[in-house]
Structure formats: C-alpha cells, structure tokens
C-alpha cells in the first residue's frame, strides 16, 4: 500500500490531475507535521508520567 501511495504521489508531480490532487491534499491535511509550541508540549508524555525521584528510589532499596 505504501508503494502504491508513493507511486501515485510521484505520478502526480508529472501529470497534474485535479481529482488525484484533491486526494493528496486531503492526506497531507490529515497527516501534516508541525512543531509543537511550549503550551502543547505540557500535554506530551511519550514515556508516561514522570514519577521518578532519586531520593525515593534510594529509600526503597534500603
């Protein structure tokens, strides 16, 4: 499927078809990449919530 999409995107560069361009624009709109601003970064926790405390961990080992 990825190869098909890539070939269609490449094909569109040379053959400007309006219907195919609408599909490509729709895909780009759904999967656009942009940089997050600082306010948005507050909600990102890719590795889960930060609950690590070095002092707490050392106390648990004793």
Protein backbone atom coordinates (compact mmCIF):
# COMPACT_ATOMS: atom_id res chain seq x y z
CA UNK A 1 0.00 0.00 0.00
CA UNK A 2 2.85 2.39 0.84
CA UNK A 3 4.47 1.75 -2.53
CA UNK A 4 1.19 2.45 -4.30
CA UNK A 5 0.73 5.76 -2.49
CA UNK A 6 4.31 6.81 -3.18
CA UNK A 7 3.95 5.99 -6.86
CA UNK A 8 0.69 7.97 -7.08
CA UNK A 9 2.30 10.96 -5.39
CA UNK A 10 5.25 10.75 -7.82
CA UNK A 11 2.90 10.35 -10.78
CA UNK A 12 1.01 13.48 -9.75
CA UNK A 13 4.20 15.55 -9.97
CA UNK A 14 4.30 14.96 -13.71
CA UNK A 15 0.59 14.57 -14.54
CA UNK A 16 -1.38 17.29 -12.83
CA UNK A 17 -4.76 15.61 -12.32
CA UNK A 18 -7.23 17.64 -10.23
CA UNK A 19 -9.03 14.64 -8.70
CA UNK A 20 -5.80 12.98 -7.60
CA UNK A 21 -4.54 16.30 -6.24
CA UNK A 22 -7.65 16.55 -4.04
CA UNK A 23 -6.86 13.14 -2.54
CA UNK A 24 -3.21 14.06 -1.99
CA UNK A 25 -4.17 17.37 -0.35
CA UNK A 26 -6.60 15.54 1.92
CA UNK A 27 -3.87 13.12 3.03
CA UNK A 28 -1.42 15.96 3.67
CA UNK A 29 -4.05 17.80 5.71
CA UNK A 30 -4.69 14.78 7.92
CA UNK A 31 -1.04 13.91 8.48
CA UNK A 32 0.64 17.28 8.48
CA UNK A 33 3.69 17.60 10.67
CA UNK A 34 4.46 20.73 12.58
CA UNK A 35 6.48 21.80 15.57
CA UNK A 36 4.63 21.88 18.88
CA UNK A 37 4.63 25.13 20.81
CA UNK A 38 5.52 25.24 24.52
CA UNK A 39 1.88 25.15 25.65
CA UNK A 40 1.25 21.97 23.65
CA UNK A 41 4.41 20.33 25.00
CA UNK A 42 2.92 20.37 28.50
CA UNK A 43 0.49 17.64 27.40
CA UNK A 44 3.13 15.34 25.89
CA UNK A 45 4.20 12.37 27.98
CA UNK A 46 5.62 9.88 25.49
CA UNK A 47 7.20 7.73 28.18
CA UNK A 48 4.38 8.14 30.67
CA UNK A 49 4.08 10.48 33.60
CA UNK A 50 7.26 11.47 35.38
CA UNK A 51 7.16 9.93 38.85
CA UNK A 52 10.86 9.28 39.42
CA UNK A 53 12.52 10.74 42.47
CA UNK A 54 16.16 9.79 43.16
CA UNK A 55 15.67 10.09 46.94
CA UNK A 56 12.58 7.91 46.88
CA UNK A 57 14.31 5.19 44.84
CA UNK A 58 17.31 5.07 47.22
CA UNK A 59 14.99 4.72 50.22
CA UNK A 60 13.20 1.76 48.65
CA UNK A 61 16.47 -0.16 48.17
CA UNK A 62 17.41 0.04 51.89
